[in-house]
Amino acid sequence: MFLVVTWKDGVTNAEVLSLTGQMRLQNVIGERRFWFVGHILQIAPEHLAHSAMDWTLADGRRRRGRPKKSWQSTFLDHLQARRISGVRWR
């Protein structure tokens, strides 16, 4: 199914998503993150992937701009957005 929609038509992104039956990209990324965590938690704790999940940023001088976020802090933000307690995820 092709939609012939231009920006001149004034069709919103929400309308296009509903017409095509697709999910918002943020929701797709969130679901894939949850799938990935479930996959990682099933493998052995000494595996490299577990240490990558627990990795924290090194202290020291940082550059200008927004502070860097670790993977875990980003995942905890997604949990909070879905109203899931951050303590339960492991």
PDB file of N, CA and C in Angstrom:
ATOM      1  N   MET A   1       0.838  -1.177   0.000  1.00  0.00           N
ATOM      2  CA  MET A   1       0.000   0.000   0.000  1.00  0.00           C
ATOM      3  C   MET A   1       0.884   1.241   0.000  1.00  0.00           C
ATOM      4  N   PHE A   2       0.682   2.081  -0.953  1.00  0.00           N
ATOM      5  CA  PHE A   2       1.443   3.319  -1.042  1.00  0.00           C
ATOM      6  C   PHE A   2       0.527   4.492  -0.725  1.00  0.00           C
ATOM      7  N   LEU A   3       1.030   5.385   0.087  1.00  0.00           N
ATOM      8  CA  LEU A   3       0.297   6.618   0.360  1.00  0.00           C
ATOM      9  C   LEU A   3       0.969   7.731  -0.431  1.00  0.00           C
ATOM     10  N   VAL A   4       0.206   8.425  -1.173  1.00  0.00           N
ATOM     11  CA  VAL A   4       0.748   9.556  -1.912  1.00  0.00           C
ATOM     12  C   VAL A   4       0.393  10.802  -1.105  1.00  0.00           C
ATOM     13  N   VAL A   5       1.268  11.111  -0.143  1.00  0.00           N
ATOM     14  CA  VAL A   5       1.032  12.223   0.768  1.00  0.00           C
ATOM     15  C   VAL A   5       2.235  13.143   0.696  1.00  0.00           C
ATOM     16  N   THR A   6       1.995  14.392   0.526  1.00  0.00           N
ATOM     17  CA  THR A   6       3.076  15.371   0.552  1.00  0.00           C
ATOM     18  C   THR A   6       2.884  16.270   1.763  1.00  0.00           C
ATOM     19  N   TRP A   7       3.885  17.067   2.062  1.00  0.00           N
ATOM     20  CA  TRP A   7       3.787  17.967   3.207  1.00  0.00           C
ATOM     21  C   TRP A   7       2.750  19.049   2.968  1.00  0.00           C
ATOM     22  N   LYS A   8       2.415  19.289   1.717  1.00  0.00           N
ATOM     23  CA  LYS A   8       1.414  20.302   1.385  1.00  0.00           C
ATOM     24  C   LYS A   8       0.005  19.860   1.778  1.00  0.00           C
ATOM     25  N   ASP A   9      -0.202  18.551   1.911  1.00  0.00           N
ATOM     26  CA  ASP A   9      -1.525  18.027   2.250  1.00  0.00           C
ATOM     27  C   ASP A   9      -1.908  18.301   3.695  1.00  0.00           C
ATOM     28  N   GLY A  10      -0.954  18.604   4.545  1.00  0.00           N
ATOM     29  CA  GLY A  10      -1.247  18.906   5.950  1.00  0.00           C
ATOM     30  C   GLY A  10      -1.624  17.687   6.762  1.00  0.00           C
ATOM     31  N   VAL A  11      -1.166  16.513   6.367  1.00  0.00           N
ATOM     32  CA  VAL A  11      -1.455  15.279   7.093  1.00  0.00           C
ATOM     33  C   VAL A  11      -0.426  15.129   8.210  1.00  0.00           C
ATOM     34  N   THR A  12      -0.894  14.867   9.423  1.00  0.00           N
ATOM     35  CA  THR A  12       0.013  14.745  10.559  1.00  0.00           C
ATOM     36  C   THR A  12       0.700  13.379  10.553  1.00  0.00           C
ATOM     37  N   ASN A  13       1.779  13.287  11.310  1.00  0.00           N
ATOM     38  CA  ASN A  13       2.494  12.020  11.438  1.00  0.00           C
ATOM     39  C   ASN A  13       1.603  10.953  12.070  1.00  0.00           C
ATOM     40  N   ALA A  14       0.795  11.354  13.037  1.00  0.00           N
ATOM     41  CA  ALA A  14      -0.100  10.398  13.696  1.00  0.00           C
ATOM     42  C   ALA A  14      -1.100   9.815  12.701  1.00  0.00           C
ATOM     43  N   GLU A  15      -1.608  10.642  11.815  1.00  0.00           N
ATOM     44  CA  GLU A  15      -2.553  10.151  10.811  1.00  0.00           C
ATOM     45  C   GLU A  15      -1.880   9.179   9.849  1.00  0.00           C
ATOM     46  N   VAL A  16      -0.654   9.477   9.444  1.00  0.00           N
ATOM     47  CA  VAL A  16       0.071   8.586   8.538  1.00  0.00           C
ATOM     48  C   VAL A  16       0.336   7.247   9.217  1.00  0.00           C
ATOM     49  N   LEU A  17       0.734   7.281  10.496  1.00  0.00           N
ATOM     50  CA  LEU A  17       0.984   6.040  11.221  1.00  0.00           C
ATOM     51  C   LEU A  17      -0.292   5.210  11.354  1.00  0.00           C
ATOM     52  N   SER A  18      -1.410   5.869  11.600  1.00  0.00           N
ATOM     53  CA  SER A  18      -2.658   5.109  11.732  1.00  0.00           C
ATOM     54  C   SER A  18      -3.105   4.533  10.383  1.00  0.00           C
ATOM     55  N   LEU A  19      -2.862   5.254   9.310  1.00  0.00           N
ATOM     56  CA  LEU A  19      -3.241   4.746   7.985  1.00  0.00           C
ATOM     57  C   LEU A  19      -2.380   3.555   7.563  1.00  0.00           C
ATOM     58  N   THR A  20      -1.110   3.574   7.934  1.00  0.00           N
ATOM     59  CA  THR A  20      -0.211   2.488   7.540  1.00  0.00           C
ATOM     60  C   THR A  20      -0.188   1.346   8.537  1.00  0.00           C
ATOM     61  N   GLY A  21      -0.708   1.577   9.751  1.00  0.00           N
ATOM     62  CA  GLY A  21      -0.728   0.522  10.762  1.00  0.00           C
ATOM     63  C   GLY A  21       0.618   0.273  11.404  1.00  0.00           C
ATOM     64  N   GLN A  22       1.514   1.229  11.351  1.00  0.00           N
ATOM     65  CA  GLN A  22       2.834   1.063  11.940  1.00  0.00           C
ATOM     66  C   GLN A  22       2.870   1.662  13.329  1.00  0.00           C
ATOM     67  N   MET A  23       3.889   1.238  14.098  1.00  0.00           N
ATOM     68  CA  MET A  23       4.095   1.758  15.442  1.00  0.00           C
ATOM     69  C   MET A  23       5.073   2.931  15.381  1.00  0.00           C
ATOM     70  N   ARG A  24       5.024   3.760  16.421  1.00  0.00           N
ATOM     71  CA  ARG A  24       5.992   4.847  16.513  1.00  0.00           C
ATOM     72  C   ARG A  24       7.374   4.247  16.731  1.00  0.00           C
ATOM     73  N   LEU A  25       8.388   4.911  16.217  1.00  0.00           N
ATOM     74  CA  LEU A  25       9.750   4.409  16.305  1.00  0.00           C
ATOM     75  C   LEU A  25      10.206   4.277  17.751  1.00  0.00           C
ATOM     76  N   GLN A  26       9.789   5.190  18.608  1.00  0.00           N
ATOM     77  CA  GLN A  26      10.154   5.120  20.019  1.00  0.00           C
ATOM     78  C   GLN A  26       9.635   3.837  20.659  1.00  0.00           C
ATOM     79  N   ASN A  27       8.428   3.432  20.294  1.00  0.00           N
ATOM     80  CA  ASN A  27       7.861   2.201  20.851  1.00  0.00           C
ATOM     81  C   ASN A  27       8.599   0.969  20.342  1.00  0.00           C
ATOM     82  N   VAL A  28       8.990   0.974  19.088  1.00  0.00           N
ATOM     83  CA  VAL A  28       9.732  -0.149  18.517  1.00  0.00           C
ATOM     84  C   VAL A  28      11.080  -0.291  19.219  1.00  0.00           C
ATOM     85  N   ILE A  29      11.776   0.815  19.412  1.00  0.00           N
ATOM     86  CA  ILE A  29      13.079   0.783  20.091  1.00  0.00           C
ATOM     87  C   ILE A  29      12.922   0.305  21.525  1.00  0.00           C
ATOM     88  N   GLY A  30      11.877   0.775  22.210  1.00  0.00           N
ATOM     89  CA  GLY A  30      11.632   0.335  23.585  1.00  0.00           C
ATOM     90  C   GLY A  30      11.381  -1.157  23.679  1.00  0.00           C
ATOM     91  N   GLU A  31      10.585  -1.702  22.767  1.00  0.00           N
ATOM     92  CA  GLU A  31      10.320  -3.143  22.774  1.00  0.00           C
ATOM     93  C   GLU A  31      11.594  -3.943  22.509  1.00  0.00           C
ATOM     94  N   ARG A  32      12.419  -3.464  21.603  1.00  0.00           N
ATOM     95  CA  ARG A  32      13.663  -4.175  21.304  1.00  0.00           C
ATOM     96  C   ARG A  32      14.631  -4.115  22.468  1.00  0.00           C
ATOM     97  N   ARG A  33      14.629  -3.001  23.199  1.00  0.00           N
ATOM     98  CA  ARG A  33      15.474  -2.927  24.400  1.00  0.00           C
ATOM     99  C   ARG A  33      15.028  -3.953  25.428  1.00  0.00           C
ATOM    100  N   PHE A  34      13.712  -4.077  25.650  1.00  0.00           N
ATOM    101  CA  PHE A  34      13.208  -5.060  26.605  1.00  0.00           C
ATOM    102  C   PHE A  34      13.546  -6.475  26.155  1.00  0.00           C
ATOM    103  N   TRP A  35      13.436  -6.751  24.863  1.00  0.00           N
ATOM    104  CA  TRP A  35      13.796  -8.074  24.350  1.00  0.00           C
ATOM    105  C   TRP A  35      15.279  -8.336  24.597  1.00  0.00           C
ATOM    106  N   PHE A  36      16.112  -7.341  24.354  1.00  0.00           N
ATOM    107  CA  PHE A  36      17.556  -7.505  24.522  1.00  0.00           C
ATOM    108  C   PHE A  36      17.913  -7.778  25.983  1.00  0.00           C
ATOM    109  N   VAL A  37      17.296  -7.060  26.908  1.00  0.00           N
ATOM    110  CA  VAL A  37      17.575  -7.288  28.335  1.00  0.00           C
ATOM    111  C   VAL A  37      17.162  -8.692  28.729  1.00  0.00           C
ATOM    112  N   GLY A  38      16.007  -9.138  28.265  1.00  0.00           N
ATOM    113  CA  GLY A  38      15.579 -10.500  28.568  1.00  0.00           C
ATOM    114  C   GLY A  38      16.552 -11.531  28.032  1.00  0.00           C
ATOM    115  N   HIS A  39      17.093 -11.281  26.864  1.00  0.00           N
ATOM    116  CA  HIS A  39      18.064 -12.186  26.267  1.00  0.00           C
ATOM    117  C   HIS A  39      19.363 -12.197  27.074  1.00  0.00           C
ATOM    118  N   ILE A  40      19.855 -11.035  27.464  1.00  0.00           N
ATOM    119  CA  ILE A  40      21.112 -10.941  28.205  1.00  0.00           C
ATOM    120  C   ILE A  40      20.987 -11.578  29.581  1.00  0.00           C
ATOM    121  N   LEU A  41      19.846 -11.397  30.244  1.00  0.00           N
ATOM    122  CA  LEU A  41      19.678 -11.941  31.588  1.00  0.00           C
ATOM    123  C   LEU A  41      19.585 -13.461  31.594  1.00  0.00           C
ATOM    124  N   GLN A  42      19.365 -14.076  30.439  1.00  0.00           N
ATOM    125  CA  GLN A  42      19.303 -15.531  30.375  1.00  0.00           C
ATOM    126  C   GLN A  42      20.680 -16.175  30.244  1.00  0.00           C
ATOM    127  N   ILE A  43      21.678 -15.423  29.834  1.00  0.00           N
ATOM    128  CA  ILE A  43      23.013 -16.007  29.668  1.00  0.00           C
ATOM    129  C   ILE A  43      23.788 -15.913  30.978  1.00  0.00           C
ATOM    130  N   ALA A  44      24.911 -16.566  31.027  1.00  0.00           N
ATOM    131  CA  ALA A  44      25.695 -16.669  32.252  1.00  0.00           C
ATOM    132  C   ALA A  44      26.137 -15.291  32.760  1.00  0.00           C
ATOM    133  N   PRO A  45      26.138 -15.097  34.090  1.00  0.00           N
ATOM    134  CA  PRO A  45      26.498 -13.789  34.657  1.00  0.00           C
ATOM    135  C   PRO A  45      27.937 -13.361  34.377  1.00  0.00           C
ATOM    136  N   GLU A  46      28.832 -14.296  34.133  1.00  0.00           N
ATOM    137  CA  GLU A  46      30.229 -13.926  33.869  1.00  0.00           C
ATOM    138  C   GLU A  46      30.472 -13.570  32.399  1.00  0.00           C
ATOM    139  N   HIS A  47      29.444 -13.625  31.605  1.00  0.00           N
ATOM    140  CA  HIS A  47      29.562 -13.277  30.190  1.00  0.00           C
ATOM    141  C   HIS A  47      29.850 -11.782  30.039  1.00  0.00           C
ATOM    142  N   LEU A  48      30.529 -11.424  28.964  1.00  0.00           N
ATOM    143  CA  LEU A  48      30.919 -10.040  28.709  1.00  0.00           C
ATOM    144  C   LEU A  48      29.722  -9.096  28.605  1.00  0.00           C
ATOM    145  N   ALA A  49      28.597  -9.602  28.137  1.00  0.00           N
ATOM    146  CA  ALA A  49      27.413  -8.755  27.978  1.00  0.00           C
ATOM    147  C   ALA A  49      26.909  -8.233  29.316  1.00  0.00           C
ATOM    148  N   HIS A  50      27.023  -9.037  30.367  1.00  0.00           N
ATOM    149  CA  HIS A  50      26.603  -8.574  31.691  1.00  0.00           C
ATOM    150  C   HIS A  50      27.477  -7.422  32.163  1.00  0.00           C
ATOM    151  N   SER A  51      28.765  -7.522  31.939  1.00  0.00           N
ATOM    152  CA  SER A  51      29.646  -6.429  32.362  1.00  0.00           C
ATOM    153  C   SER A  51      29.380  -5.179  31.530  1.00  0.00           C
ATOM    154  N   ALA A  52      28.975  -5.340  30.285  1.00  0.00           N
ATOM    155  CA  ALA A  52      28.653  -4.182  29.454  1.00  0.00           C
ATOM    156  C   ALA A  52      27.387  -3.495  29.965  1.00  0.00           C
ATOM    157  N   MET A  53      26.433  -4.265  30.467  1.00  0.00           N
ATOM    158  CA  MET A  53      25.213  -3.665  31.011  1.00  0.00           C
ATOM    159  C   MET A  53      25.485  -2.908  32.298  1.00  0.00           C
ATOM    160  N   ASP A  54      26.459  -3.367  33.078  1.00  0.00           N
ATOM    161  CA  ASP A  54      26.770  -2.732  34.357  1.00  0.00           C
ATOM    162  C   ASP A  54      27.808  -1.628  34.241  1.00  0.00           C
ATOM    163  N   TRP A  55      28.301  -1.375  33.032  1.00  0.00           N
ATOM    164  CA  TRP A  55      29.350  -0.390  32.817  1.00  0.00           C
ATOM    165  C   TRP A  55      28.865   1.004  33.203  1.00  0.00           C
ATOM    166  N   THR A  56      29.737   1.750  33.879  1.00  0.00           N
ATOM    167  CA  THR A  56      29.431   3.132  34.224  1.00  0.00           C
ATOM    168  C   THR A  56      30.490   4.026  33.603  1.00  0.00           C
ATOM    169  N   LEU A  57      30.154   5.256  33.436  1.00  0.00           N
ATOM    170  CA  LEU A  57      31.070   6.204  32.831  1.00  0.00           C
ATOM    171  C   LEU A  57      32.220   6.507  33.775  1.00  0.00           C
ATOM    172  N   ALA A  58      33.402   6.702  33.213  1.00  0.00           N
ATOM    173  CA  ALA A  58      34.572   7.004  34.021  1.00  0.00           C
ATOM    174  C   ALA A  58      34.492   8.438  34.530  1.00  0.00           C
ATOM    175  N   ASP A  59      34.986   8.624  35.738  1.00  0.00           N
ATOM    176  CA  ASP A  59      35.043   9.973  36.283  1.00  0.00           C
ATOM    177  C   ASP A  59      36.186  10.728  35.636  1.00  0.00           C
ATOM    178  N   GLY A  60      36.123  12.004  35.720  1.00  0.00           N
ATOM    179  CA  GLY A  60      37.189  12.809  35.148  1.00  0.00           C
ATOM    180  C   GLY A  60      36.626  13.999  34.415  1.00  0.00           C
ATOM    181  N   ARG A  61      37.465  14.661  33.686  1.00  0.00           N
ATOM    182  CA  ARG A  61      37.051  15.857  32.964  1.00  0.00           C
ATOM    183  C   ARG A  61      36.191  15.456  31.765  1.00  0.00           C
ATOM    184  N   ARG A  62      35.076  16.134  31.619  1.00  0.00           N
ATOM    185  CA  ARG A  62      34.196  15.844  30.501  1.00  0.00           C
ATOM    186  C   ARG A  62      34.089  17.063  29.605  1.00  0.00           C
ATOM    187  N   ARG A  63      33.657  16.839  28.397  1.00  0.00           N
ATOM    188  CA  ARG A  63      33.517  17.915  27.431  1.00  0.00           C
ATOM    189  C   ARG A  63      32.241  18.699  27.674  1.00  0.00           C
ATOM    190  N   ARG A  64      32.107  19.788  26.930  1.00  0.00           N
ATOM    191  CA  ARG A  64      30.901  20.603  27.014  1.00  0.00           C
ATOM    192  C   ARG A  64      29.713  19.832  26.479  1.00  0.00           C
ATOM    193  N   GLY A  65      28.536  20.261  26.897  1.00  0.00           N
ATOM    194  CA  GLY A  65      27.318  19.666  26.367  1.00  0.00           C
ATOM    195  C   GLY A  65      26.620  18.781  27.375  1.00  0.00           C
ATOM    196  N   ARG A  66      25.639  18.061  26.876  1.00  0.00           N
ATOM    197  CA  ARG A  66      24.851  17.183  27.737  1.00  0.00           C
ATOM    198  C   ARG A  66      25.727  16.051  28.251  1.00  0.00           C
ATOM    199  N   PRO A  67      25.608  15.711  29.535  1.00  0.00           N
ATOM    200  CA  PRO A  67      26.397  14.593  30.055  1.00  0.00           C
ATOM    201  C   PRO A  67      26.054  13.286  29.341  1.00  0.00           C
ATOM    202  N   LYS A  68      27.036  12.437  29.161  1.00  0.00           N
ATOM    203  CA  LYS A  68      26.825  11.149  28.506  1.00  0.00           C
ATOM    204  C   LYS A  68      26.007  10.244  29.418  1.00  0.00           C
ATOM    205  N   LYS A  69      25.223   9.382  28.796  1.00  0.00           N
ATOM    206  CA  LYS A  69      24.413   8.443  29.558  1.00  0.00           C
ATOM    207  C   LYS A  69      24.883   7.031  29.271  1.00  0.00           C
ATOM    208  N   SER A  70      24.862   6.210  30.294  1.00  0.00           N
ATOM    209  CA  SER A  70      25.203   4.809  30.101  1.00  0.00           C
ATOM    210  C   SER A  70      23.979   4.073  29.546  1.00  0.00           C
ATOM    211  N   TRP A  71      24.182   2.862  29.077  1.00  0.00           N
ATOM    212  CA  TRP A  71      23.086   2.068  28.540  1.00  0.00           C
ATOM    213  C   TRP A  71      22.069   1.793  29.639  1.00  0.00           C
ATOM    214  N   GLN A  72      22.583   1.522  30.841  1.00  0.00           N
ATOM    215  CA  GLN A  72      21.701   1.194  31.949  1.00  0.00           C
ATOM    216  C   GLN A  72      20.837   2.395  32.343  1.00  0.00           C
ATOM    217  N   SER A  73      21.397   3.584  32.365  1.00  0.00           N
ATOM    218  CA  SER A  73      20.597   4.749  32.731  1.00  0.00           C
ATOM    219  C   SER A  73      19.533   5.037  31.664  1.00  0.00           C
ATOM    220  N   THR A  74      19.863   4.794  30.408  1.00  0.00           N
ATOM    221  CA  THR A  74      18.880   4.958  29.346  1.00  0.00           C
ATOM    222  C   THR A  74      17.759   3.938  29.500  1.00  0.00           C
ATOM    223  N   PHE A  75      18.112   2.706  29.826  1.00  0.00           N
ATOM    224  CA  PHE A  75      17.112   1.658  30.017  1.00  0.00           C
ATOM    225  C   PHE A  75      16.229   1.976  31.221  1.00  0.00           C
ATOM    226  N   LEU A  76      16.816   2.485  32.301  1.00  0.00           N
ATOM    227  CA  LEU A  76      16.020   2.849  33.472  1.00  0.00           C
ATOM    228  C   LEU A  76      15.063   3.993  33.161  1.00  0.00           C
ATOM    229  N   ASP A  77      15.456   4.905  32.282  1.00  0.00           N
ATOM    230  CA  ASP A  77      14.550   5.962  31.846  1.00  0.00           C
ATOM    231  C   ASP A  77      13.359   5.379  31.093  1.00  0.00           C
ATOM    232  N   HIS A  78      13.606   4.359  30.256  1.00  0.00           N
ATOM    233  CA  HIS A  78      12.510   3.705  29.537  1.00  0.00           C
ATOM    234  C   HIS A  78      11.581   2.975  30.505  1.00  0.00           C
ATOM    235  N   LEU A  79      12.157   2.364  31.544  1.00  0.00           N
ATOM    236  CA  LEU A  79      11.326   1.700  32.550  1.00  0.00           C
ATOM    237  C   LEU A  79      10.450   2.713  33.267  1.00  0.00           C
ATOM    238  N   GLN A  80      11.040   3.844  33.616  1.00  0.00           N
ATOM    239  CA  GLN A  80      10.289   4.869  34.317  1.00  0.00           C
ATOM    240  C   GLN A  80       9.171   5.429  33.443  1.00  0.00           C
ATOM    241  N   ALA A  81       9.418   5.571  32.151  1.00  0.00           N
ATOM    242  CA  ALA A  81       8.390   6.068  31.240  1.00  0.00           C
ATOM    243  C   ALA A  81       7.219   5.091  31.146  1.00  0.00           C
ATOM    244  N   ARG A  82       7.504   3.804  31.298  1.00  0.00           N
ATOM    245  CA  ARG A  82       6.439   2.793  31.256  1.00  0.00           C
ATOM    246  C   ARG A  82       5.891   2.482  32.642  1.00  0.00           C
ATOM    247  N   ARG A  83       6.327   3.242  33.640  1.00  0.00           N
ATOM    248  CA  ARG A  83       5.878   3.107  35.037  1.00  0.00           C
ATOM    249  C   ARG A  83       6.193   1.725  35.608  1.00  0.00           C
ATOM    250  N   ILE A  84       7.402   1.238  35.339  1.00  0.00           N
ATOM    251  CA  ILE A  84       7.871  -0.024  35.895  1.00  0.00           C
ATOM    252  C   ILE A  84       8.953   0.301  36.902  1.00  0.00           C
ATOM    253  N   SER A  85       8.880  -0.307  38.062  1.00  0.00           N
ATOM    254  CA  SER A  85       9.863  -0.041  39.103  1.00  0.00           C
ATOM    255  C   SER A  85      11.245  -0.480  38.638  1.00  0.00           C
ATOM    256  N   GLY A  86      12.243   0.381  38.796  1.00  0.00           N
ATOM    257  CA  GLY A  86      13.599   0.083  38.351  1.00  0.00           C
ATOM    258  C   GLY A  86      14.250  -1.025  39.147  1.00  0.00           C
ATOM    259  N   VAL A  87      13.743  -1.316  40.329  1.00  0.00           N
ATOM    260  CA  VAL A  87      14.324  -2.356  41.176  1.00  0.00           C
ATOM    261  C   VAL A  87      13.962  -3.734  40.647  1.00  0.00           C
ATOM    262  N   ARG A  88      12.813  -3.875  39.999  1.00  0.00           N
ATOM    263  CA  ARG A  88      12.324  -5.179  39.564  1.00  0.00           C
ATOM    264  C   ARG A  88      12.978  -5.690  38.287  1.00  0.00           C
ATOM    265  N   TRP A  89      13.669  -4.879  37.555  1.00  0.00           N
ATOM    266  CA  TRP A  89      14.076  -5.274  36.204  1.00  0.00           C
ATOM    267  C   TRP A  89      15.112  -6.374  36.181  1.00  0.00           C
ATOM    268  N   ARG A  90      15.878  -6.576  37.197  1.00  0.00           N
ATOM    269  CA  ARG A  90      16.836  -7.680  37.206  1.00  0.00           C
ATOM    270  C   ARG A  90      16.188  -8.870  37.827  1.00  0.00           C
TER     271      ARG A  90
END
